[in-house]
Amino acid sequence: MGNLGFQEILLIAVVVLVLFGGRKIPEFMRGLGRGIREFNDAKDNVKKELEDGIKEKDQKPSSPAQQQ
């Protein structure tokens, strides 16, 4: 897998234009943007939950005998 040149990018753009048409491309890109945004939000939520779980674990005493 090498770098994409101008000709390859142009070919991909033409194929996308033929498959989706000029009117569908903005809708497709909008949907793609929403999907990426939702993925990033979910990723951030999981990361936050893991960090909160680690903080809670560090704050709890290691054994009940230490509380007495």
C-alpha atoms as a PDB file:
ATOM      1  CA  MET A   1       0.000   0.000   0.000  1.00  0.00           C
ATOM      2  CA  GLY A   2       1.738   3.087  -1.227  1.00  0.00           C
ATOM      3  CA  ASN A   3       0.837   6.718  -1.324  1.00  0.00           C
ATOM      4  CA  LEU A   4      -2.155   7.759  -3.383  1.00  0.00           C
ATOM      5  CA  GLY A   5      -1.290   9.937  -6.330  1.00  0.00           C
ATOM      6  CA  PHE A   6      -3.402  12.514  -8.103  1.00  0.00           C
ATOM      7  CA  GLN A   7      -4.677  10.044 -10.690  1.00  0.00           C
ATOM      8  CA  GLU A   8      -5.844   7.559  -8.062  1.00  0.00           C
ATOM      9  CA  ILE A   9      -7.639  10.255  -6.070  1.00  0.00           C
ATOM     10  CA  LEU A  10      -9.279  11.559  -9.245  1.00  0.00           C
ATOM     11  CA  LEU A  11     -10.432   8.043 -10.157  1.00  0.00           C
ATOM     12  CA  ILE A  12     -11.913   7.510  -6.686  1.00  0.00           C
ATOM     13  CA  ALA A  13     -13.712  10.876  -6.882  1.00  0.00           C
ATOM     14  CA  VAL A  14     -15.198   9.999 -10.292  1.00  0.00           C
ATOM     15  CA  VAL A  15     -16.373   6.582  -9.055  1.00  0.00           C
ATOM     16  CA  VAL A  16     -18.010   8.152  -5.972  1.00  0.00           C
ATOM     17  CA  LEU A  17     -19.684  10.782  -8.155  1.00  0.00           C
ATOM     18  CA  VAL A  18     -21.035   8.125 -10.519  1.00  0.00           C
ATOM     19  CA  LEU A  19     -22.244   5.846  -7.712  1.00  0.00           C
ATOM     20  CA  PHE A  20     -23.887   8.455  -5.492  1.00  0.00           C
ATOM     21  CA  GLY A  21     -24.671  11.321  -7.843  1.00  0.00           C
ATOM     22  CA  GLY A  22     -24.117  15.002  -7.177  1.00  0.00           C
ATOM     23  CA  ARG A  23     -27.120  15.420  -4.908  1.00  0.00           C
ATOM     24  CA  LYS A  24     -26.436  12.460  -2.631  1.00  0.00           C
ATOM     25  CA  ILE A  25     -22.790  13.290  -1.846  1.00  0.00           C
ATOM     26  CA  PRO A  26     -23.584  16.112   0.664  1.00  0.00           C
ATOM     27  CA  GLU A  27     -26.039  13.823   2.463  1.00  0.00           C
ATOM     28  CA  PHE A  28     -23.454  11.048   2.505  1.00  0.00           C
ATOM     29  CA  MET A  29     -20.757  13.344   3.891  1.00  0.00           C
ATOM     30  CA  ARG A  30     -23.145  14.727   6.516  1.00  0.00           C
ATOM     31  CA  GLY A  31     -23.969  11.204   7.655  1.00  0.00           C
ATOM     32  CA  LEU A  32     -20.289  10.290   7.704  1.00  0.00           C
ATOM     33  CA  GLY A  33     -19.539  13.347   9.852  1.00  0.00           C
ATOM     34  CA  ARG A  34     -22.295  12.450  12.292  1.00  0.00           C
ATOM     35  CA  GLY A  35     -21.013   8.900  12.536  1.00  0.00           C
ATOM     36  CA  ILE A  36     -17.473  10.055  13.252  1.00  0.00           C
ATOM     37  CA  ARG A  37     -18.738  12.532  15.860  1.00  0.00           C
ATOM     38  CA  GLU A  38     -20.811   9.842  17.606  1.00  0.00           C
ATOM     39  CA  PHE A  39     -17.833   7.477  17.591  1.00  0.00           C
ATOM     40  CA  ASN A  40     -15.588  10.117  19.164  1.00  0.00           C
ATOM     41  CA  ASP A  41     -18.227  10.922  21.802  1.00  0.00           C
ATOM     42  CA  ALA A  42     -18.583   7.249  22.695  1.00  0.00           C
ATOM     43  CA  LYS A  43     -14.800   6.866  22.845  1.00  0.00           C
ATOM     44  CA  ASP A  44     -14.514   9.879  25.175  1.00  0.00           C
ATOM     45  CA  ASN A  45     -17.298   8.527  27.411  1.00  0.00           C
ATOM     46  CA  VAL A  46     -15.600   5.140  27.747  1.00  0.00           C
ATOM     47  CA  LYS A  47     -12.267   6.823  28.511  1.00  0.00           C
ATOM     48  CA  LYS A  48     -13.922   9.018  31.181  1.00  0.00           C
ATOM     49  CA  GLU A  49     -15.656   6.025  32.777  1.00  0.00           C
ATOM     50  CA  LEU A  50     -12.392   4.088  32.917  1.00  0.00           C
ATOM     51  CA  GLU A  51     -10.573   7.015  34.499  1.00  0.00           C
ATOM     52  CA  ASP A  52     -13.381   7.469  37.048  1.00  0.00           C
ATOM     53  CA  GLY A  53     -13.287   3.744  37.861  1.00  0.00           C
ATOM     54  CA  ILE A  54      -9.533   3.881  38.429  1.00  0.00           C
ATOM     55  CA  LYS A  55      -9.914   6.919  40.700  1.00  0.00           C
ATOM     56  CA  GLU A  56     -12.644   5.182  42.729  1.00  0.00           C
ATOM     57  CA  LYS A  57     -10.516   2.065  43.096  1.00  0.00           C
ATOM     58  CA  ASP A  58      -7.546   4.113  44.320  1.00  0.00           C
ATOM     59  CA  GLN A  59      -9.697   5.939  46.880  1.00  0.00           C
ATOM     60  CA  LYS A  60     -11.212   2.789  48.429  1.00  0.00           C
ATOM     61  CA  PRO A  61      -9.268   1.055  51.205  1.00  0.00           C
ATOM     62  CA  SER A  62      -7.636  -2.199  50.173  1.00  0.00           C
ATOM     63  CA  SER A  63      -9.214  -4.322  52.929  1.00  0.00           C
ATOM     64  CA  PRO A  64     -12.095  -3.966  55.440  1.00  0.00           C
ATOM     65  CA  ALA A  65      -9.706  -4.636  58.362  1.00  0.00           C
ATOM     66  CA  GLN A  66      -8.067  -1.265  57.831  1.00  0.00           C
ATOM     67  CA  GLN A  67     -11.347   0.548  58.568  1.00  0.00           C
ATOM     68  CA  GLN A  68     -11.566  -0.762  62.179  1.00  0.00           C
END
